[in-house]
Each structure stands twice: as C-alpha cells, then as structure tokens.
Protein backbone atom coordinates (compact mmCIF):
# COMPACT_ATOMS: atom_id res chain seq x y z
CA MET A 1 0.74 -47.93 106.92
CA ALA A 2 3.56 -50.39 107.16
CA GLU A 3 1.83 -52.48 104.57
CA LYS A 4 1.81 -49.66 102.07
CA LEU A 5 5.60 -49.17 102.36
CA LYS A 6 6.46 -52.68 101.31
CA TYR A 7 8.50 -52.78 98.18
CA LYS A 8 7.38 -55.01 95.46
CA LEU A 9 10.20 -57.12 94.10
CA THR A 10 9.97 -57.53 90.36
CA ASN A 11 12.27 -58.80 87.67
CA ASP A 12 12.27 -55.49 85.76
CA GLY A 13 15.58 -54.41 84.12
CA PHE A 14 18.20 -56.04 81.96
CA THR A 15 19.78 -59.37 82.55
CA LEU A 16 23.49 -59.90 82.13
CA VAL A 17 22.97 -61.72 78.80
CA GLU A 18 20.96 -58.82 77.37
CA VAL A 19 23.65 -56.35 78.40
CA MET A 20 26.36 -58.51 76.80
CA ILE A 21 24.41 -58.79 73.51
CA SER A 22 23.85 -55.04 73.35
CA LEU A 23 27.56 -54.40 74.03
CA ALA A 24 28.54 -56.84 71.27
CA ILE A 25 26.21 -55.13 68.76
CA PHE A 26 27.60 -51.72 69.76
CA ALA A 27 31.19 -53.01 69.37
CA VAL A 28 30.48 -54.27 65.82
CA PHE A 29 28.99 -50.95 64.74
CA ALA A 30 31.77 -48.96 66.43
CA SER A 31 34.53 -51.00 64.76
CA ALA A 32 32.79 -50.70 61.35
CA TYR A 33 32.55 -46.92 61.79
CA LEU A 34 36.20 -46.56 62.83
CA THR A 35 37.36 -48.77 59.94
CA ALA A 36 35.37 -46.68 57.46
CA GLN A 37 36.87 -43.49 58.89
CA GLY A 38 40.36 -44.96 58.55
CA PHE A 39 39.77 -45.76 54.86
CA ASN A 40 38.33 -42.29 54.35
CA ILE A 41 41.44 -40.67 55.81
CA SER A 42 43.81 -42.82 53.72
CA ASP A 43 41.73 -42.16 50.58
CA SER A 44 41.91 -38.44 51.31
CA THR A 45 45.70 -38.65 51.60
CA VAL A 46 45.98 -40.47 48.28
CA MET A 47 43.61 -38.01 46.61
CA ARG A 48 45.58 -35.06 47.94
CA GLU A 49 48.79 -36.56 46.55
CA GLU A 50 47.20 -37.25 43.15
CA LEU A 51 45.95 -33.67 42.97
CA GLU A 52 49.43 -32.41 43.78
CA LEU A 53 50.95 -34.64 41.06
CA LYS A 54 48.38 -33.33 38.57
CA ARG A 55 49.10 -29.73 39.54
CA TYR A 56 52.85 -30.15 39.02
CA ALA A 57 52.32 -31.92 35.66
CA GLU A 58 49.99 -29.19 34.39
CA LEU A 59 52.42 -26.54 35.64
CA LYS A 60 55.23 -28.10 33.58
CA VAL A 61 53.03 -28.51 30.46
CA ASN A 62 51.91 -24.89 30.66
CA GLU A 63 55.52 -23.83 31.01
CA LEU A 64 56.38 -25.78 27.83
CA ILE A 65 53.45 -24.29 25.91
CA VAL A 66 54.42 -20.72 26.85
CA THR A 67 58.16 -21.18 26.28
CA PRO A 68 58.71 -24.23 24.06
CA PRO A 69 62.22 -25.50 23.47
CA GLU A 70 63.75 -25.63 20.01
CA LEU A 71 61.94 -28.58 18.46
CA LYS A 72 64.44 -30.54 16.39
CA GLU A 73 65.17 -34.20 15.74
CA SER A 74 67.80 -34.49 18.50
CA ILE A 75 65.31 -33.57 21.22
CA THR A 76 63.54 -36.94 20.76
CA LEU A 77 66.63 -38.98 21.65
CA THR A 78 66.52 -38.67 25.45
CA LYS A 79 64.02 -37.71 28.10
CA GLU A 80 64.57 -34.45 29.93
CA THR A 81 64.45 -34.94 33.71
CA GLY A 82 64.54 -32.68 36.72
CA LYS A 83 63.15 -31.80 40.14
CA PHE A 84 60.72 -29.09 41.16
CA GLU A 85 62.19 -26.25 43.20
CA GLU A 86 59.11 -26.07 45.44
CA ASN A 87 59.30 -29.74 46.46
CA ASP A 88 62.33 -32.02 46.10
CA ASN A 89 60.19 -35.15 46.47
CA PHE A 90 58.59 -34.56 43.07
CA THR A 91 60.57 -35.23 39.89
CA TYR A 92 59.54 -34.82 36.27
CA SER A 93 60.49 -36.29 32.93
CA ILE A 94 59.65 -34.77 29.56
CA GLU A 95 59.52 -36.83 26.38
CA TYR A 96 59.19 -35.26 22.94
CA LYS A 97 57.85 -37.14 19.92
CA LYS A 98 57.43 -36.14 16.33
CA PHE A 99 53.95 -36.12 14.85
CA LEU A 100 53.74 -38.91 12.27
CA ILE A 101 51.01 -39.31 9.69
CA PRO A 102 50.69 -42.74 8.07
CA ASP A 103 50.86 -43.21 4.32
CA LEU A 104 47.72 -42.18 2.40
CA ASN A 105 47.44 -45.62 0.79
CA LYS A 106 47.35 -47.23 4.24
CA ILE A 107 44.66 -44.81 5.38
CA THR A 108 42.41 -45.24 2.35
CA GLY A 109 43.28 -48.88 1.65
CA ALA A 110 43.78 -48.06 -2.03
CA ASP A 111 46.51 -49.20 -4.42
CA GLU A 112 49.21 -46.75 -5.46
CA GLU A 113 48.17 -47.03 -9.12
CA ALA A 114 44.51 -46.26 -8.29
CA GLN A 115 45.50 -43.11 -6.37
CA ASP A 116 45.02 -39.75 -8.09
CA PRO A 117 48.55 -38.27 -8.51
CA ASN A 118 47.36 -34.76 -7.62
CA GLU A 119 45.68 -36.02 -4.48
CA SER A 120 48.83 -37.91 -3.51
CA LYS A 121 50.98 -34.82 -4.06
CA ILE A 122 48.67 -32.63 -1.95
CA PHE A 123 48.65 -35.23 0.82
CA GLU A 124 52.44 -35.50 0.79
CA ASN A 125 52.77 -31.70 1.02
CA VAL A 126 50.35 -31.53 3.95
CA LYS A 127 52.01 -34.52 5.64
CA LYS A 128 55.53 -33.03 5.42
CA ASN A 129 54.38 -29.67 6.78
CA LEU A 130 52.30 -31.09 9.63
CA GLU A 131 55.16 -33.34 10.69
CA LYS A 132 57.41 -30.26 10.91
CA ILE A 133 54.88 -28.04 12.70
CA ILE A 134 53.26 -30.34 15.28
CA TRP A 135 55.12 -32.14 18.06
CA GLN A 136 53.84 -34.21 20.95
CA VAL A 137 55.16 -33.76 24.48
CA GLU A 138 54.48 -36.02 27.46
CA VAL A 139 55.23 -34.88 31.01
CA THR A 140 55.39 -37.45 33.79
CA VAL A 141 55.59 -36.29 37.41
CA LYS A 142 56.60 -38.78 40.10
CA ASN A 143 56.54 -38.62 43.88
CA GLU A 144 59.83 -40.23 44.90
CA THR A 145 58.65 -41.17 48.39
CA SER A 146 55.43 -42.95 47.42
CA GLU A 147 56.43 -43.97 43.86
CA ARG A 148 53.11 -42.62 42.51
CA SER A 149 53.20 -40.87 39.14
CA TYR A 150 50.94 -38.85 36.87
CA SER A 151 51.35 -38.26 33.12
CA VAL A 152 49.84 -35.68 30.82
CA SER A 153 50.54 -35.05 27.16
CA THR A 154 49.76 -32.29 24.71
CA TRP A 155 50.71 -30.96 21.29
CA LEU A 156 53.29 -28.25 20.77
CA TYR A 157 53.44 -25.90 17.82
CA ASN A 158 56.87 -25.47 16.27
CA HIS A 159 57.09 -21.74 15.58
CA GLN A 160 60.42 -22.13 13.80
CA ALA A 161 59.16 -24.59 11.18
CA GLN A 162 59.07 -23.36 7.61
CA VAL A 163 55.89 -24.32 5.78
CA MET A 164 56.53 -25.06 2.12
CA PHE A 165 54.32 -26.43 -0.60
CA GLU A 166 55.79 -28.03 -3.67
CA GLN A 167 54.17 -27.17 -6.94
CA MET A 168 52.20 -29.79 -8.75
C-alpha cells in the first residue's frame, strides 16, 4: 500500500518564463484598451462641446429669423457681439452682409452691345430688388474657455424693402 501512495513528480505547470510572457501580453492589451477608452472619453467631451456650440448658434439664427433687425446699410459696418444668458462661457458674433448679384455681362460672358436692352433692363430690375430684399447673416458662437467656435449662416428676408420695377 505504501507503494501506491507515492507521489509522482512531474514537470507539469507553468515555468517562470511562461508566466512572464503571459503577463507581458496581458499588459500590452490592457494598456491598449485603457488608451482607447481615454481617447473615447476625450472625443465624447469634444463632441458634447461641439453639439452645444451648434445648439447655441442655431438658437441665435432662429431668433434672428423670427425677429429680424432693421436691415439697412449701416448694419454691415460692425459685427454684433454678446454673451448667452444661460452660459457666460459662450459668446456670439453676428455679421450681416448684403446680397450682391454680379453684372449680367460677367455672368453670360457677352458684350454690352450684344446684350438685348430689354433683357438687360429686366435683369437690372430683378437685381436691384433682390439686393434690397435678401440679406445674409452669419452667426459665430465661441467657447471662451476652449477657444472652439462654430459658425452658421442663412438668408434673411427684409420685410421693409419696397419692391419696384421700372418701366421699359
């Protein structure tokens, strides 16, 4: 019976080198995973900020569409700036531009003499009226802490403009 209780010594199990290799492989994968998670978190923070900038810009544009200012030549001289009441870190600037249509001869590439006078007169009437009626506005929102900004532009309709056509 004593012979049956003898333990057989074998070399089963892991050696120290095998354990060290497996730990090194695990460390590489763990550091890659943690680095990827870190980038994911920072990307999420940037995305959240960009969405907030976009929301504030669209809020200001919608406000301008609903209640436009008096659109006149003097409004194009300086940018309107301000801060949002909800968040002092976000500032905005509003720039107004007149709608400009190039000369018909430049568009068509024709000479002035070759142009039909009635066509030129119609184009000039349409050009003058469109330039009075349509204005472009660009809103830029900036986060003062991170220096990131977002711009959006749209067209405004000048309700006070008088449309007039000259007779031919």
